Protein backbone atom coordinates (compact mmCIF):
# COMPACT_ATOMS: atom_id res chain seq x y z
CA MET A 1 25.77 22.96 -23.98
CA ASN A 2 22.65 24.22 -22.33
CA LYS A 3 22.19 24.54 -18.58
CA TRP A 4 20.21 21.28 -18.31
CA VAL A 5 23.06 19.23 -19.70
CA TRP A 6 25.44 20.83 -17.19
CA ALA A 7 22.98 20.21 -14.36
CA VAL A 8 22.62 16.53 -15.27
CA LEU A 9 26.40 16.16 -15.64
CA ALA A 10 26.94 17.74 -12.21
CA LEU A 11 24.32 15.44 -10.69
CA VAL A 12 26.02 12.36 -12.17
CA VAL A 13 29.42 13.45 -10.81
CA VAL A 14 28.02 14.13 -7.32
CA ALA A 15 26.17 10.79 -7.31
CA GLY A 16 29.34 8.97 -8.39
CA ILE A 17 31.36 10.55 -5.60
CA GLY A 18 28.63 9.63 -3.11
CA ILE A 19 28.68 6.00 -4.25
CA LEU A 20 32.48 5.81 -3.87
CA ILE A 21 32.32 7.30 -0.37
CA LYS A 22 29.57 4.84 0.63
CA GLN A 23 31.57 1.88 -0.70
CA ASP A 24 34.63 2.96 1.30
CA MET A 25 32.53 3.38 4.45
CA ASP A 26 31.00 -0.09 3.98
CA TYR A 27 34.46 -1.57 3.39
CA GLU A 28 35.81 -0.03 6.60
CA ALA A 29 32.72 -0.98 8.64
CA ALA A 30 33.33 -4.66 7.78
CA LEU A 31 36.87 -4.59 9.23
CA THR A 32 35.78 -5.85 12.65
CA GLY A 33 38.47 -8.51 13.03
CA GLN A 34 41.52 -7.50 15.04
CA THR A 35 45.00 -8.97 14.99
CA THR A 36 48.63 -7.91 14.88
CA ALA A 37 50.45 -7.42 11.60
CA THR A 38 54.20 -7.82 11.22
CA ILE A 39 55.72 -5.38 8.75
CA THR A 40 57.68 -7.22 6.05
CA ARG A 41 58.80 -4.25 3.93
CA THR A 42 57.92 -0.75 2.79
CA GLU A 43 58.13 0.84 -0.62
CA LEU A 44 58.08 4.54 -1.49
CA ILE A 45 56.10 5.27 -4.64
CA THR A 46 56.67 8.62 -6.33
CA GLY A 47 54.63 10.24 -9.07
CA ALA A 48 55.76 10.25 -12.66
CA GLY A 49 56.64 13.33 -14.66
CA ASP A 50 55.34 16.55 -13.17
CA ASP A 51 53.42 14.71 -10.45
CA ASP A 52 55.56 14.92 -7.31
CA SER A 53 53.14 13.04 -5.07
CA GLU A 54 54.45 10.29 -2.83
CA SER A 55 52.80 7.33 -1.17
CA THR A 56 54.11 4.56 1.03
CA HIS A 57 53.17 0.93 0.44
CA VAL A 58 53.42 -0.97 3.72
CA TYR A 59 53.54 -4.75 3.28
CA TYR A 60 52.69 -6.99 6.24
CA SER A 61 51.83 -10.53 7.24
CA PHE A 62 49.25 -11.65 9.79
CA ALA A 63 47.27 -14.66 10.93
CA ALA A 64 43.49 -14.79 10.55
CA ASN A 65 40.93 -17.58 10.26
CA GLY A 66 43.65 -20.18 10.81
CA GLN A 67 45.75 -19.01 7.87
CA GLN A 68 48.73 -16.75 7.28
CA TRP A 69 48.01 -13.74 5.04
CA GLU A 70 50.22 -11.25 3.16
CA GLU A 71 48.66 -7.88 2.32
CA PHE A 72 49.59 -4.21 2.07
CA SER A 73 48.20 -0.76 2.78
CA ILE A 74 48.84 2.46 0.91
CA LEU A 75 49.55 5.54 3.01
CA ASP A 76 49.89 9.14 1.84
CA ASP A 77 53.30 10.80 1.74
CA ASN A 78 56.68 9.31 2.61
CA GLN A 79 56.18 7.31 5.81
CA THR A 80 58.90 4.73 5.21
CA ALA A 81 60.84 5.80 8.31
CA GLN A 82 57.83 4.96 10.51
CA PHE A 83 57.62 1.34 9.31
CA THR A 84 60.55 -1.08 9.41
CA ALA A 85 60.63 -4.81 8.82
CA GLY A 86 59.78 -6.76 11.96
CA GLN A 87 57.72 -4.03 13.62
CA GLN A 88 54.23 -5.00 14.72
CA TYR A 89 51.09 -2.91 14.35
CA PRO A 90 47.42 -3.46 15.18
CA LEU A 91 45.50 -4.55 12.08
CA CYS A 92 41.79 -4.51 11.26
CA TYR A 93 40.46 -7.08 8.80
CA ASN A 94 37.18 -8.41 7.46
CA PRO A 95 36.55 -11.80 9.15
CA GLU A 96 34.58 -12.93 6.08
CA ASP A 97 37.41 -11.92 3.72
CA PRO A 98 40.75 -11.44 5.51
CA SER A 99 42.31 -10.05 2.32
CA GLN A 100 40.41 -6.84 3.13
CA THR A 101 42.57 -4.98 5.66
CA ARG A 102 43.62 -1.62 7.00
CA LEU A 103 46.23 -0.79 9.59
CA ALA A 104 44.35 0.38 12.69
CA LEU A 105 46.17 3.72 12.49
CA GLN A 106 44.35 4.33 9.19
CA LEU A 107 41.05 4.02 11.07
CA GLY A 108 41.88 6.36 13.93
CA GLY A 109 43.66 3.66 15.93
CA GLN A 110 40.70 1.32 16.47
CA CYS A 111 38.86 -1.30 14.48
CA PRO A 112 35.09 -0.88 14.02
CA ALA A 113 32.96 -2.74 16.56
CA ALA A 114 31.18 -5.82 15.23
CA GLY A 115 27.53 -5.03 14.52
CA GLY A 116 28.25 -1.32 14.95
């Protein structure tokens, strides 16, 4: 391939990464609702085959917009010891779509300010 094809390919990859980062930032900026989540269970997920990566799925319930919700967050590494059923943690959620959530600890401990 000539250098122009490589340049265009690199530009497409960089643009794609930029779009994904922007979408994640927009998602997190919308999480202005604050409540308390109750941990219901955790699950350790390990990679298959040669992939030895681990992640922790933390399942929780919470009340928002007059309803009870069940969601989960995915955390890097094995953090199952940190989360046990019945524990409560601050939770950030999107008031327009409470299925969009993150544990506040995933956002540096605080939910984004509304309109910020």
